[in-house]
Amino acid sequence: SDMLPRRFPLQLRTNSMGVFSPQLEERYPDQPMELHLWARQ
């Protein structure tokens, strides 16, 4: 979460990731997140 600029529209925190998993913010309110990205092909 600390690698993204503050003005970036999608922050890596549970309250902004609720779009992908609605229960996330409810279970872990306003917690930082980490994203692991990779190409499958």
Full PDB file with SEQRES, HELIX, SHEET, SSBOND, CRYST1, ORIGX, SCALE, CONECT and MASTER records, all heavy atoms in Angstrom:
SEQRES   1 A   41  SER ASP MET LEU PRO ARG ARG PHE PRO LEU GLN LEU ARG          
SEQRES   2 A   41  THR ASN SER MET GLY VAL PHE SER PRO GLN LEU GLU GLU          
SEQRES   3 A   41  ARG TYR PRO ASP GLN PRO MET GLU LEU HIS LEU TRP ALA          
SEQRES   4 A   41  ARG GLN                                                      
HELIX    1 AA1 GLN A   23  ARG A   27  1                                   5    
CRYST1    1.000    1.000    1.000  90.00  90.00  90.00 P 1           1          
ORIGX1      1.000000  0.000000  0.000000        0.00000                         
ORIGX2      0.000000  1.000000  0.000000        0.00000                         
ORIGX3      0.000000  0.000000  1.000000        0.00000                         
SCALE1      1.000000  0.000000  0.000000        0.00000                         
SCALE2      0.000000  1.000000  0.000000        0.00000                         
SCALE3      0.000000  0.000000  1.000000        0.00000                         
ATOM      1  N   SER A   1       0.819  -1.223   0.000  1.00  0.00           N  
ATOM      2  CA  SER A   1       0.000   0.000   0.000  1.00  0.00           C  
ATOM      3  C   SER A   1       0.849   1.266   0.000  1.00  0.00           C  
ATOM      4  O   SER A   1       0.455   2.278  -0.571  1.00  0.00           O  
ATOM      5  CB  SER A   1      -0.951  -0.004   1.192  1.00  0.00           C  
ATOM      6  OG  SER A   1      -0.232  -0.085   2.393  1.00  0.00           O  
ATOM      7  N   ASP A   2       2.030   1.223   0.600  1.00  0.00           N  
ATOM      8  CA  ASP A   2       2.861   2.424   0.674  1.00  0.00           C  
ATOM      9  C   ASP A   2       3.609   2.723  -0.633  1.00  0.00           C  
ATOM     10  O   ASP A   2       4.221   3.766  -0.777  1.00  0.00           O  
ATOM     11  CB  ASP A   2       3.838   2.336   1.837  1.00  0.00           C  
ATOM     12  CG  ASP A   2       4.779   1.146   1.741  1.00  0.00           C  
ATOM     13  OD1 ASP A   2       4.440   0.171   1.042  1.00  0.00           O  
ATOM     14  OD2 ASP A   2       5.850   1.187   2.380  1.00  0.00           O  
ATOM     15  N   MET A   3       3.535   1.823  -1.626  1.00  0.00           N  
ATOM     16  CA  MET A   3       4.212   2.045  -2.903  1.00  0.00           C  
ATOM     17  C   MET A   3       3.386   2.895  -3.869  1.00  0.00           C  
ATOM     18  O   MET A   3       3.915   3.417  -4.844  1.00  0.00           O  
ATOM     19  CB  MET A   3       4.530   0.702  -3.574  1.00  0.00           C  
ATOM     20  CG  MET A   3       5.566  -0.117  -2.836  1.00  0.00           C  
ATOM     21  SD  MET A   3       5.723  -1.781  -3.494  1.00  0.00           S  
ATOM     22  CE  MET A   3       6.543  -1.470  -5.034  1.00  0.00           C  
ATOM     23  N   LEU A   4       2.093   3.033  -3.610  1.00  0.00           N  
ATOM     24  CA  LEU A   4       1.211   3.765  -4.518  1.00  0.00           C  
ATOM     25  C   LEU A   4       1.159   5.242  -4.161  1.00  0.00           C  
ATOM     26  O   LEU A   4       1.119   5.600  -2.988  1.00  0.00           O  
ATOM     27  CB  LEU A   4      -0.211   3.198  -4.454  1.00  0.00           C  
ATOM     28  CG  LEU A   4      -0.389   1.767  -4.906  1.00  0.00           C  
ATOM     29  CD1 LEU A   4      -1.832   1.337  -4.718  1.00  0.00           C  
ATOM     30  CD2 LEU A   4       0.028   1.604  -6.347  1.00  0.00           C  
ATOM     31  N   PRO A   5       1.110   6.105  -5.176  1.00  0.00           N  
ATOM     32  CA  PRO A   5       0.926   7.533  -4.886  1.00  0.00           C  
ATOM     33  C   PRO A   5      -0.445   7.765  -4.258  1.00  0.00           C  
ATOM     34  O   PRO A   5      -1.408   7.074  -4.579  1.00  0.00           O  
ATOM     35  CB  PRO A   5       1.000   8.198  -6.263  1.00  0.00           C  
ATOM     36  CG  PRO A   5       1.330   7.147  -7.246  1.00  0.00           C  
ATOM     37  CD  PRO A   5       1.228   5.822  -6.589  1.00  0.00           C  
ATOM     38  N   ARG A   6      -0.541   8.714  -3.375  1.00  0.00           N  
ATOM     39  CA  ARG A   6      -1.811   9.004  -2.687  1.00  0.00           C  
ATOM     40  C   ARG A   6      -2.929   9.366  -3.658  1.00  0.00           C  
ATOM     41  O   ARG A   6      -4.083   9.111  -3.399  1.00  0.00           O  
ATOM     42  CB  ARG A   6      -1.628  10.131  -1.682  1.00  0.00           C  
ATOM     43  CG  ARG A   6      -0.818   9.713  -0.480  1.00  0.00           C  
ATOM     44  CD  ARG A   6      -1.325  10.456   0.747  1.00  0.00           C  
ATOM     45  NE  ARG A   6      -0.535  10.134   1.907  1.00  0.00           N  
ATOM     46  CZ  ARG A   6      -0.799   9.124   2.707  1.00  0.00           C  
ATOM     47  NH1 ARG A   6      -1.807   8.333   2.456  1.00  0.00           N  
ATOM     48  NH2 ARG A   6      -0.046   8.886   3.756  1.00  0.00           N  
ATOM     49  N   ARG A   7      -2.575   9.970  -4.790  1.00  0.00           N  
ATOM     50  CA  ARG A   7      -3.603  10.400  -5.743  1.00  0.00           C  
ATOM     51  C   ARG A   7      -4.056   9.263  -6.657  1.00  0.00           C  
ATOM     52  O   ARG A   7      -4.973   9.436  -7.443  1.00  0.00           O  
ATOM     53  CB  ARG A   7      -3.095  11.572  -6.566  1.00  0.00           C  
ATOM     54  CG  ARG A   7      -1.889  11.256  -7.388  1.00  0.00           C  
ATOM     55  CD  ARG A   7      -1.330  12.506  -8.064  1.00  0.00           C  
ATOM     56  NE  ARG A   7       0.008  12.240  -8.541  1.00  0.00           N  
ATOM     57  CZ  ARG A   7       0.298  11.860  -9.767  1.00  0.00           C  
ATOM     58  NH1 ARG A   7      -0.648  11.731 -10.656  1.00  0.00           N  
ATOM     59  NH2 ARG A   7       1.537  11.622 -10.120  1.00  0.00           N  
ATOM     60  N   PHE A   8      -3.432   8.099  -6.559  1.00  0.00           N  
ATOM     61  CA  PHE A   8      -3.843   6.986  -7.406  1.00  0.00           C  
ATOM     62  C   PHE A   8      -5.264   6.572  -7.035  1.00  0.00           C  
ATOM     63  O   PHE A   8      -5.599   6.469  -5.862  1.00  0.00           O  
ATOM     64  CB  PHE A   8      -2.868   5.802  -7.245  1.00  0.00           C  
ATOM     65  CG  PHE A   8      -3.025   4.783  -8.313  1.00  0.00           C  
ATOM     66  CD1 PHE A   8      -2.521   5.014  -9.574  1.00  0.00           C  
ATOM     67  CD2 PHE A   8      -3.710   3.601  -8.072  1.00  0.00           C  
ATOM     68  CE1 PHE A   8      -2.691   4.078 -10.581  1.00  0.00           C  
ATOM     69  CE2 PHE A   8      -3.878   2.667  -9.076  1.00  0.00           C  
ATOM     70  CZ  PHE A   8      -3.361   2.905 -10.336  1.00  0.00           C  
ATOM     71  N   PRO A   9      -6.141   6.351  -8.036  1.00  0.00           N  
ATOM     72  CA  PRO A   9      -7.572   6.153  -7.749  1.00  0.00           C  
ATOM     73  C   PRO A   9      -7.927   4.870  -7.000  1.00  0.00           C  
ATOM     74  O   PRO A   9      -8.989   4.784  -6.406  1.00  0.00           O  
ATOM     75  CB  PRO A   9      -8.222   6.153  -9.132  1.00  0.00           C  
ATOM     76  CG  PRO A   9      -7.130   5.896 -10.087  1.00  0.00           C  
ATOM     77  CD  PRO A   9      -5.864   6.359  -9.458  1.00  0.00           C  
ATOM     78  N   LEU A  10      -7.062   3.881  -6.987  1.00  0.00           N  
ATOM     79  CA  LEU A  10      -7.361   2.631  -6.300  1.00  0.00           C  
ATOM     80  C   LEU A  10      -6.260   2.367  -5.278  1.00  0.00           C  
ATOM     81  O   LEU A  10      -5.146   2.016  -5.641  1.00  0.00           O  
ATOM     82  CB  LEU A  10      -7.438   1.488  -7.315  1.00  0.00           C  
ATOM     83  CG  LEU A  10      -7.929   0.151  -6.810  1.00  0.00           C  
ATOM     84  CD1 LEU A  10      -9.369   0.260  -6.331  1.00  0.00           C  
ATOM     85  CD2 LEU A  10      -7.834  -0.882  -7.912  1.00  0.00           C  
ATOM     86  N   GLN A  11      -6.559   2.584  -4.000  1.00  0.00           N  
ATOM     87  CA  GLN A  11      -5.576   2.398  -2.945  1.00  0.00           C  
ATOM     88  C   GLN A  11      -5.610   0.954  -2.433  1.00  0.00           C  
ATOM     89  O   GLN A  11      -6.643   0.301  -2.474  1.00  0.00           O  
ATOM     90  CB  GLN A  11      -5.834   3.372  -1.795  1.00  0.00           C  
ATOM     91  CG  GLN A  11      -5.553   4.813  -2.161  1.00  0.00           C  
ATOM     92  CD  GLN A  11      -4.093   5.056  -2.506  1.00  0.00           C  
ATOM     93  OE1 GLN A  11      -3.195   4.650  -1.781  1.00  0.00           O  
ATOM     94  NE2 GLN A  11      -3.857   5.709  -3.627  1.00  0.00           N  
ATOM     95  N   LEU A  12      -4.481   0.474  -1.957  1.00  0.00           N  
ATOM     96  CA  LEU A  12      -4.396  -0.890  -1.425  1.00  0.00           C  
ATOM     97  C   LEU A  12      -4.724  -0.893   0.067  1.00  0.00           C  
ATOM     98  O   LEU A  12      -3.870  -1.089   0.921  1.00  0.00           O  
ATOM     99  CB  LEU A  12      -3.000  -1.477  -1.671  1.00  0.00           C  
ATOM    100  CG  LEU A  12      -2.721  -1.893  -3.095  1.00  0.00           C  
ATOM    101  CD1 LEU A  12      -1.298  -2.401  -3.244  1.00  0.00           C  
ATOM    102  CD2 LEU A  12      -3.701  -2.949  -3.553  1.00  0.00           C  
ATOM    103  N   ARG A  13      -5.993  -0.685   0.339  1.00  0.00           N  
ATOM    104  CA  ARG A  13      -6.519  -0.756   1.693  1.00  0.00           C  
ATOM    105  C   ARG A  13      -7.850  -1.484   1.594  1.00  0.00           C  
ATOM    106  O   ARG A  13      -8.524  -1.443   0.565  1.00  0.00           O  
ATOM    107  CB  ARG A  13      -6.699   0.635   2.299  1.00  0.00           C  
ATOM    108  CG  ARG A  13      -5.363   1.385   2.427  1.00  0.00           C  
ATOM    109  CD  ARG A  13      -5.425   2.528   3.391  1.00  0.00           C  
ATOM    110  NE  ARG A  13      -5.602   2.175   4.772  1.00  0.00           N  
ATOM    111  CZ  ARG A  13      -4.640   1.755   5.602  1.00  0.00           C  
ATOM    112  NH1 ARG A  13      -3.427   1.590   5.158  1.00  0.00           N  
ATOM    113  NH2 ARG A  13      -4.900   1.506   6.860  1.00  0.00           N  
ATOM    114  N   THR A  14      -8.245  -2.131   2.670  1.00  0.00           N  
ATOM    115  CA  THR A  14      -9.465  -2.937   2.631  1.00  0.00           C  
ATOM    116  C   THR A  14     -10.704  -2.112   2.306  1.00  0.00           C  
ATOM    117  O   THR A  14     -11.607  -2.606   1.637  1.00  0.00           O  
ATOM    118  CB  THR A  14      -9.673  -3.675   3.961  1.00  0.00           C  
ATOM    119  OG1 THR A  14      -9.629  -2.732   5.034  1.00  0.00           O  
ATOM    120  CG2 THR A  14      -8.627  -4.751   4.158  1.00  0.00           C  
ATOM    121  N   ASN A  15     -10.746  -0.852   2.720  1.00  0.00           N  
ATOM    122  CA  ASN A  15     -11.943  -0.054   2.447  1.00  0.00           C  
ATOM    123  C   ASN A  15     -12.092   0.313   0.968  1.00  0.00           C  
ATOM    124  O   ASN A  15     -13.189   0.585   0.516  1.00  0.00           O  
ATOM    125  CB  ASN A  15     -12.017   1.191   3.334  1.00  0.00           C  
ATOM    126  CG  ASN A  15     -10.796   2.067   3.205  1.00  0.00           C  
ATOM    127  OD1 ASN A  15      -9.776   1.660   2.678  1.00  0.00           O  
ATOM    128  ND2 ASN A  15     -10.895   3.275   3.709  1.00  0.00           N  
ATOM    129  N   SER A  16     -11.020   0.315   0.187  1.00  0.00           N  
ATOM    130  CA  SER A  16     -11.164   0.606  -1.240  1.00  0.00           C  
ATOM    131  C   SER A  16     -11.217  -0.667  -2.090  1.00  0.00           C  
ATOM    132  O   SER A  16     -11.517  -0.598  -3.275  1.00  0.00           O  
ATOM    133  CB  SER A  16     -10.047   1.522  -1.729  1.00  0.00           C  
ATOM    134  OG  SER A  16      -8.798   0.927  -1.540  1.00  0.00           O  
ATOM    135  N   MET A  17     -10.952  -1.816  -1.511  1.00  0.00           N  
ATOM    136  CA  MET A  17     -10.989  -3.080  -2.252  1.00  0.00           C  
ATOM    137  C   MET A  17     -12.309  -3.820  -2.086  1.00  0.00           C  
ATOM    138  O   MET A  17     -12.476  -4.921  -2.586  1.00  0.00           O  
ATOM    139  CB  MET A  17      -9.840  -3.996  -1.816  1.00  0.00           C  
ATOM    140  CG  MET A  17      -8.508  -3.521  -2.272  1.00  0.00           C  
ATOM    141  SD  MET A  17      -8.382  -3.694  -4.056  1.00  0.00           S  
ATOM    142  CE  MET A  17      -6.748  -3.118  -4.313  1.00  0.00           C  
ATOM    143  N   GLY A  18     -13.268  -3.222  -1.412  1.00  0.00           N  
ATOM    144  CA  GLY A  18     -14.571  -3.840  -1.220  1.00  0.00           C  
ATOM    145  C   GLY A  18     -15.295  -4.124  -2.519  1.00  0.00           C  
ATOM    146  O   GLY A  18     -16.181  -4.969  -2.574  1.00  0.00           O  
ATOM    147  N   VAL A  19     -14.909  -3.455  -3.592  1.00  0.00           N  
ATOM    148  CA  VAL A  19     -15.492  -3.693  -4.900  1.00  0.00           C  
ATOM    149  C   VAL A  19     -15.267  -5.151  -5.330  1.00  0.00           C  
ATOM    150  O   VAL A  19     -16.115  -5.762  -5.944  1.00  0.00           O  
ATOM    151  CB  VAL A  19     -14.849  -2.721  -5.921  1.00  0.00           C  
ATOM    152  CG1 VAL A  19     -14.807  -3.269  -7.303  1.00  0.00           C  
ATOM    153  CG2 VAL A  19     -15.569  -1.407  -5.906  1.00  0.00           C  
ATOM    154  N   PHE A  20     -14.105  -5.700  -4.997  1.00  0.00           N  
ATOM    155  CA  PHE A  20     -13.765  -7.060  -5.397  1.00  0.00           C  
ATOM    156  C   PHE A  20     -14.235  -8.094  -4.386  1.00  0.00           C  
ATOM    157  O   PHE A  20     -14.490  -9.229  -4.733  1.00  0.00           O  
ATOM    158  CB  PHE A  20     -12.254  -7.192  -5.607  1.00  0.00           C  
ATOM    159  CG  PHE A  20     -11.723  -6.227  -6.620  1.00  0.00           C  
ATOM    160  CD1 PHE A  20     -10.903  -5.184  -6.242  1.00  0.00           C  
ATOM    161  CD2 PHE A  20     -12.062  -6.352  -7.951  1.00  0.00           C  
ATOM    162  CE1 PHE A  20     -10.424  -4.293  -7.178  1.00  0.00           C  
ATOM    163  CE2 PHE A  20     -11.590  -5.460  -8.895  1.00  0.00           C  
ATOM    164  CZ  PHE A  20     -10.764  -4.425  -8.506  1.00  0.00           C  
ATOM    165  N   SER A  21     -14.298  -7.714  -3.119  1.00  0.00           N  
ATOM    166  CA  SER A  21     -14.699  -8.625  -2.061  1.00  0.00           C  
ATOM    167  C   SER A  21     -15.428  -7.824  -0.985  1.00  0.00           C  
ATOM    168  O   SER A  21     -14.811  -7.248  -0.095  1.00  0.00           O  
ATOM    169  CB  SER A  21     -13.460  -9.308  -1.475  1.00  0.00           C  
ATOM    170  OG  SER A  21     -13.815 -10.173  -0.438  1.00  0.00           O  
ATOM    171  N   PRO A  22     -16.777  -7.781  -1.043  1.00  0.00           N  
ATOM    172  CA  PRO A  22     -17.550  -6.926  -0.140  1.00  0.00           C  
ATOM    173  C   PRO A  22     -17.333  -7.216   1.352  1.00  0.00           C  
ATOM    174  O   PRO A  22     -17.397  -6.303   2.168  1.00  0.00           O  
ATOM    175  CB  PRO A  22     -19.000  -7.206  -0.532  1.00  0.00           C  
ATOM    176  CG  PRO A  22     -18.921  -7.712  -1.928  1.00  0.00           C  
ATOM    177  CD  PRO A  22     -17.609  -8.426  -2.040  1.00  0.00           C  
ATOM    178  N   GLN A  23     -17.040  -8.449   1.736  1.00  0.00           N  
ATOM    179  CA  GLN A  23     -16.858  -8.774   3.143  1.00  0.00           C  
ATOM    180  C   GLN A  23     -15.483  -8.340   3.670  1.00  0.00           C  
ATOM    181  O   GLN A  23     -15.239  -8.338   4.872  1.00  0.00           O  
ATOM    182  CB  GLN A  23     -16.996 -10.290   3.399  1.00  0.00           C  
ATOM    183  CG  GLN A  23     -18.362 -10.830   3.091  1.00  0.00           C  
ATOM    184  CD  GLN A  23     -18.495 -11.230   1.621  1.00  0.00           C  
ATOM    185  OE1 GLN A  23     -17.530 -11.228   0.876  1.00  0.00           O  
ATOM    186  NE2 GLN A  23     -19.716 -11.549   1.204  1.00  0.00           N  
ATOM    187  N   LEU A  24     -14.605  -7.967   2.774  1.00  0.00           N  
ATOM    188  CA  LEU A  24     -13.237  -7.626   3.162  1.00  0.00           C  
ATOM    189  C   LEU A  24     -13.172  -6.465   4.154  1.00  0.00           C  
ATOM    190  O   LEU A  24     -12.531  -6.569   5.198  1.00  0.00           O  
ATOM    191  CB  LEU A  24     -12.447  -7.282   1.902  1.00  0.00           C  
ATOM    192  CG  LEU A  24     -10.947  -7.247   2.010  1.00  0.00           C  
ATOM    193  CD1 LEU A  24     -10.406  -8.580   2.491  1.00  0.00           C  
ATOM    194  CD2 LEU A  24     -10.358  -6.917   0.659  1.00  0.00           C  
ATOM    195  N   GLU A  25     -13.847  -5.372   3.843  1.00  0.00           N  
ATOM    196  CA  GLU A  25     -13.825  -4.201   4.727  1.00  0.00           C  
ATOM    197  C   GLU A  25     -14.505  -4.524   6.061  1.00  0.00           C  
ATOM    198  O   GLU A  25     -14.102  -4.039   7.105  1.00  0.00           O  
ATOM    199  CB  GLU A  25     -14.499  -3.010   4.058  1.00  0.00           C  
ATOM    200  CG  GLU A  25     -14.375  -1.746   4.888  1.00  0.00           C  
ATOM    201  CD  GLU A  25     -15.036  -0.553   4.236  1.00  0.00           C  
ATOM    202  OE1 GLU A  25     -15.709  -0.710   3.206  1.00  0.00           O  
ATOM    203  OE2 GLU A  25     -14.869   0.541   4.785  1.00  0.00           O  
ATOM    204  N   GLU A  26     -15.530  -5.341   5.998  1.00  0.00           N  
ATOM    205  CA  GLU A  26     -16.260  -5.716   7.204  1.00  0.00           C  
ATOM    206  C   GLU A  26     -15.378  -6.541   8.155  1.00  0.00           C  
ATOM    207  O   GLU A  26     -15.344  -6.297   9.358  1.00  0.00           O  
ATOM    208  CB  GLU A  26     -17.480  -6.538   6.775  1.00  0.00           C  
ATOM    209  CG  GLU A  26     -18.494  -6.781   7.855  1.00  0.00           C  
ATOM    210  CD  GLU A  26     -19.688  -7.516   7.262  1.00  0.00           C  
ATOM    211  OE1 GLU A  26     -20.358  -6.939   6.385  1.00  0.00           O  
ATOM    212  OE2 GLU A  26     -19.921  -8.663   7.686  1.00  0.00           O  
ATOM    213  N   ARG A  27     -14.629  -7.489   7.603  1.00  0.00           N  
ATOM    214  CA  ARG A  27     -13.758  -8.353   8.426  1.00  0.00           C  
ATOM    215  C   ARG A  27     -12.487  -7.658   8.901  1.00  0.00           C  
ATOM    216  O   ARG A  27     -12.005  -7.908   9.994  1.00  0.00           O  
ATOM    217  CB  ARG A  27     -13.349  -9.578   7.631  1.00  0.00           C  
ATOM    218  CG  ARG A  27     -14.332 -10.656   7.626  1.00  0.00           C  
ATOM    219  CD  ARG A  27     -13.681 -11.865   7.019  1.00  0.00           C  
ATOM    220  NE  ARG A  27     -14.389 -13.047   7.434  1.00  0.00           N  
ATOM    221  CZ  ARG A  27     -14.259 -14.204   6.882  1.00  0.00           C  
ATOM    222  NH1 ARG A  27     -13.411 -14.354   5.888  1.00  0.00           N  
ATOM    223  NH2 ARG A  27     -14.929 -15.226   7.314  1.00  0.00           N  
ATOM    224  N   TYR A  28     -11.902  -6.842   8.024  1.00  0.00           N  
ATOM    225  CA  TYR A  28     -10.627  -6.186   8.316  1.00  0.00           C  
ATOM    226  C   TYR A  28     -10.761  -4.694   8.017  1.00  0.00           C  
ATOM    227  O   TYR A  28     -10.286  -4.215   6.986  1.00  0.00           O  
ATOM    228  CB  TYR A  28      -9.504  -6.791   7.467  1.00  0.00           C  
ATOM    229  CG  TYR A  28      -9.371  -8.278   7.584  1.00  0.00           C  
ATOM    230  CD1 TYR A  28      -9.887  -9.118   6.600  1.00  0.00           C  
ATOM    231  CD2 TYR A  28      -8.739  -8.850   8.678  1.00  0.00           C  
ATOM    232  CE1 TYR A  28      -9.762 -10.494   6.695  1.00  0.00           C  
ATOM    233  CE2 TYR A  28      -8.618 -10.222   8.789  1.00  0.00           C  
ATOM    234  CZ  TYR A  28      -9.129 -11.039   7.795  1.00  0.00           C  
ATOM    235  OH  TYR A  28      -9.007 -12.405   7.897  1.00  0.00           O  
ATOM    236  N   PRO A  29     -11.396  -3.920   8.897  1.00  0.00           N  
ATOM    237  CA  PRO A  29     -11.649  -2.501   8.604  1.00  0.00           C  
ATOM    238  C   PRO A  29     -10.357  -1.693   8.425  1.00  0.00           C  
ATOM    239  O   PRO A  29      -9.473  -1.729   9.266  1.00  0.00           O  
ATOM    240  CB  PRO A  29     -12.453  -2.002   9.798  1.00  0.00           C  
ATOM    241  CG  PRO A  29     -12.568  -3.128  10.749  1.00  0.00           C  
ATOM    242  CD  PRO A  29     -11.899  -4.336  10.182  1.00  0.00           C  
ATOM    243  N   ASP A  30     -10.279  -1.012   7.305  1.00  0.00           N  
ATOM    244  CA  ASP A  30      -9.200  -0.078   6.963  1.00  0.00           C  
ATOM    245  C   ASP A  30      -7.795  -0.620   7.256  1.00  0.00           C  
ATOM    246  O   ASP A  30      -6.971   0.060   7.863  1.00  0.00           O  
ATOM    247  CB  ASP A  30      -9.422   1.265   7.664  1.00  0.00           C  
ATOM    248  CG  ASP A  30      -8.616   2.371   6.989  1.00  0.00           C  
ATOM    249  OD1 ASP A  30      -8.420   2.301   5.765  1.00  0.00           O  
ATOM    250  OD2 ASP A  30      -8.163   3.291   7.694  1.00  0.00           O  
ATOM    251  N   GLN A  31      -7.519  -1.819   6.780  1.00  0.00           N  
ATOM    252  CA  GLN A  31      -6.192  -2.419   6.928  1.00  0.00           C  
ATOM    253  C   GLN A  31      -5.418  -2.281   5.615  1.00  0.00           C  
ATOM    254  O   GLN A  31      -5.999  -2.293   4.532  1.00  0.00           O  
ATOM    255  CB  GLN A  31      -6.317  -3.911   7.278  1.00  0.00           C  
ATOM    256  CG  GLN A  31      -6.895  -4.187   8.639  1.00  0.00           C  
ATOM    257  CD  GLN A  31      -5.971  -3.695   9.736  1.00  0.00           C  
ATOM    258  OE1 GLN A  31      -4.788  -3.997   9.767  1.00  0.00           O  
ATOM    259  NE2 GLN A  31      -6.524  -2.904  10.642  1.00  0.00           N  
ATOM    260  N   PRO A  32      -4.086  -2.183   5.692  1.00  0.00           N  
ATOM    261  CA  PRO A  32      -3.294  -2.139   4.465  1.00  0.00           C  
ATOM    262  C   PRO A  32      -3.324  -3.504   3.774  1.00  0.00           C  
ATOM    263  O   PRO A  32      -3.582  -4.528   4.409  1.00  0.00           O  
ATOM    264  CB  PRO A  32      -1.886  -1.801   4.959  1.00  0.00           C  
ATOM    265  CG  PRO A  32      -1.865  -2.176   6.385  1.00  0.00           C  
ATOM    266  CD  PRO A  32      -3.266  -2.086   6.897  1.00  0.00           C  
ATOM    267  N   MET A  33      -3.054  -3.478   2.486  1.00  0.00           N  
ATOM    268  CA  MET A  33      -3.061  -4.706   1.699  1.00  0.00           C  
ATOM    269  C   MET A  33      -1.802  -4.794   0.854  1.00  0.00           C  
ATOM    270  O   MET A  33      -1.086  -3.811   0.676  1.00  0.00           O  
ATOM    271  CB  MET A  33      -4.301  -4.756   0.799  1.00  0.00           C  
ATOM    272  CG  MET A  33      -5.592  -4.790   1.575  1.00  0.00           C  
ATOM    273  SD  MET A  33      -7.013  -4.995   0.507  1.00  0.00           S  
ATOM    274  CE  MET A  33      -6.799  -6.701  -0.003  1.00  0.00           C  
ATOM    275  N   GLU A  34      -1.571  -5.977   0.342  1.00  0.00           N  
ATOM    276  CA  GLU A  34      -0.471  -6.237  -0.574  1.00  0.00           C  
ATOM    277  C   GLU A  34      -1.053  -6.938  -1.787  1.00  0.00           C  
ATOM    278  O   GLU A  34      -1.988  -7.730  -1.658  1.00  0.00           O  
ATOM    279  CB  GLU A  34       0.545  -7.143   0.106  1.00  0.00           C  
ATOM    280  CG  GLU A  34       1.967  -6.782  -0.141  1.00  0.00           C  
ATOM    281  CD  GLU A  34       2.901  -7.647   0.673  1.00  0.00           C  
ATOM    282  OE1 GLU A  34       2.991  -8.852   0.397  1.00  0.00           O  
ATOM    283  OE2 GLU A  34       3.514  -7.091   1.602  1.00  0.00           O  
ATOM    284  N   LEU A  35      -0.507  -6.653  -2.946  1.00  0.00           N  
ATOM    285  CA  LEU A  35      -0.984  -7.251  -4.179  1.00  0.00           C  
ATOM    286  C   LEU A  35       0.188  -7.943  -4.860  1.00  0.00           C  
ATOM    287  O   LEU A  35       1.247  -7.347  -5.039  1.00  0.00           O  
ATOM    288  CB  LEU A  35      -1.545  -6.146  -5.079  1.00  0.00           C  
ATOM    289  CG  LEU A  35      -2.443  -6.504  -6.213  1.00  0.00           C  
ATOM    290  CD1 LEU A  35      -3.680  -7.257  -5.737  1.00  0.00           C  
ATOM    291  CD2 LEU A  35      -2.869  -5.247  -6.962  1.00  0.00           C  
ATOM    292  N   HIS A  36       0.000  -9.207  -5.217  1.00  0.00           N  
ATOM    293  CA  HIS A  36       1.009  -9.960  -5.952  1.00  0.00           C  
ATOM    294  C   HIS A  36       0.475 -10.153  -7.366  1.00  0.00           C  
ATOM    295  O   HIS A  36      -0.583 -10.761  -7.558  1.00  0.00           O  
ATOM    296  CB  HIS A  36       1.272 -11.309  -5.293  1.00  0.00           C  
ATOM    297  CG  HIS A  36       1.844 -11.186  -3.916  1.00  0.00           C  
ATOM    298  ND1 HIS A  36       2.393 -12.239  -3.239  1.00  0.00           N  
ATOM    299  CD2 HIS A  36       1.959 -10.125  -3.072  1.00  0.00           C  
ATOM    300  CE1 HIS A  36       2.816 -11.853  -2.057  1.00  0.00           C  
ATOM    301  NE2 HIS A  36       2.558 -10.562  -1.929  1.00  0.00           N  
ATOM    302  N   LEU A  37       1.200  -9.623  -8.346  1.00  0.00           N  
ATOM    303  CA  LEU A  37       0.787  -9.669  -9.749  1.00  0.00           C  
ATOM    304  C   LEU A  37       1.744 -10.535 -10.544  1.00  0.00           C  
ATOM    305  O   LEU A  37       2.947 -10.505 -10.304  1.00  0.00           O  
ATOM    306  CB  LEU A  37       0.798  -8.259 -10.353  1.00  0.00           C  
ATOM    307  CG  LEU A  37      -0.032  -7.195  -9.659  1.00  0.00           C  
ATOM    308  CD1 LEU A  37       0.327  -5.823 -10.195  1.00  0.00           C  
ATOM    309  CD2 LEU A  37      -1.497  -7.472  -9.865  1.00  0.00           C  
ATOM    310  N   TRP A  38       1.215 -11.283 -11.520  1.00  0.00           N  
ATOM    311  CA  TRP A  38       2.067 -12.056 -12.404  1.00  0.00           C  
ATOM    312  C   TRP A  38       1.333 -12.365 -13.706  1.00  0.00           C  
ATOM    313  O   TRP A  38       0.112 -12.414 -13.745  1.00  0.00           O  
ATOM    314  CB  TRP A  38       2.555 -13.341 -11.734  1.00  0.00           C  
ATOM    315  CG  TRP A  38       1.480 -14.357 -11.456  1.00  0.00           C  
ATOM    316  CD1 TRP A  38       1.102 -15.402 -12.255  1.00  0.00           C  
ATOM    317  CD2 TRP A  38       0.649 -14.439 -10.303  1.00  0.00           C  
ATOM    318  NE1 TRP A  38       0.089 -16.111 -11.668  1.00  0.00           N  
ATOM    319  CE2 TRP A  38      -0.205 -15.542 -10.456  1.00  0.00           C  
ATOM    320  CE3 TRP A  38       0.537 -13.669  -9.139  1.00  0.00           C  
ATOM    321  CZ2 TRP A  38      -1.158 -15.903  -9.511  1.00  0.00           C  
ATOM    322  CZ3 TRP A  38      -0.416 -14.037  -8.198  1.00  0.00           C  
ATOM    323  CH2 TRP A  38      -1.241 -15.142  -8.383  1.00  0.00           C  
ATOM    324  N   ALA A  39       2.118 -12.562 -14.752  1.00  0.00           N  
ATOM    325  CA  ALA A  39       1.563 -12.964 -16.047  1.00  0.00           C  
ATOM    326  C   ALA A  39       1.427 -14.484 -16.043  1.00  0.00           C  
ATOM    327  O   ALA A  39       2.365 -15.189 -15.688  1.00  0.00           O  
ATOM    328  CB  ALA A  39       2.480 -12.516 -17.181  1.00  0.00           C  
ATOM    329  N   ARG A  40       0.238 -14.979 -16.430  1.00  0.00           N  
ATOM    330  CA  ARG A  40       0.014 -16.431 -16.501  1.00  0.00           C  
ATOM    331  C   ARG A  40       0.536 -17.017 -17.804  1.00  0.00           C  
ATOM    332  O   ARG A  40       0.851 -18.194 -17.880  1.00  0.00           O  
ATOM    333  CB  ARG A  40      -1.475 -16.759 -16.370  1.00  0.00           C  
ATOM    334  CG  ARG A  40      -2.060 -16.398 -15.030  1.00  0.00           C  
ATOM    335  CD  ARG A  40      -3.477 -16.942 -14.842  1.00  0.00           C  
ATOM    336  NE  ARG A  40      -4.304 -17.014 -16.007  1.00  0.00           N  
ATOM    337  CZ  ARG A  40      -5.104 -16.050 -16.462  1.00  0.00           C  
ATOM    338  NH1 ARG A  40      -5.152 -14.881 -15.829  1.00  0.00           N  
ATOM    339  NH2 ARG A  40      -5.848 -16.218 -17.520  1.00  0.00           N  
ATOM    340  N   GLN A  41       0.574 -16.194 -18.839  1.00  0.00           N  
ATOM    341  CA  GLN A  41       1.104 -16.592 -20.140  1.00  0.00           C  
ATOM    342  C   GLN A  41       1.897 -15.432 -20.712  1.00  0.00           C  
ATOM    343  O   GLN A  41       1.783 -14.302 -20.248  1.00  0.00           O  
ATOM    344  CB  GLN A  41      -0.024 -16.956 -21.109  1.00  0.00           C  
ATOM    345  CG  GLN A  41      -0.786 -18.204 -20.740  1.00  0.00           C  
ATOM    346  CD  GLN A  41      -1.862 -18.518 -21.764  1.00  0.00           C  
ATOM    347  OE1 GLN A  41      -1.878 -18.001 -22.868  1.00  0.00           O  
ATOM    348  NE2 GLN A  41      -2.788 -19.392 -21.387  1.00  0.00           N  
TER     349      GLN A  41                                                      
MASTER        0    0    0    1    0    0    0    6  348    1    0    4          
END                                                                             
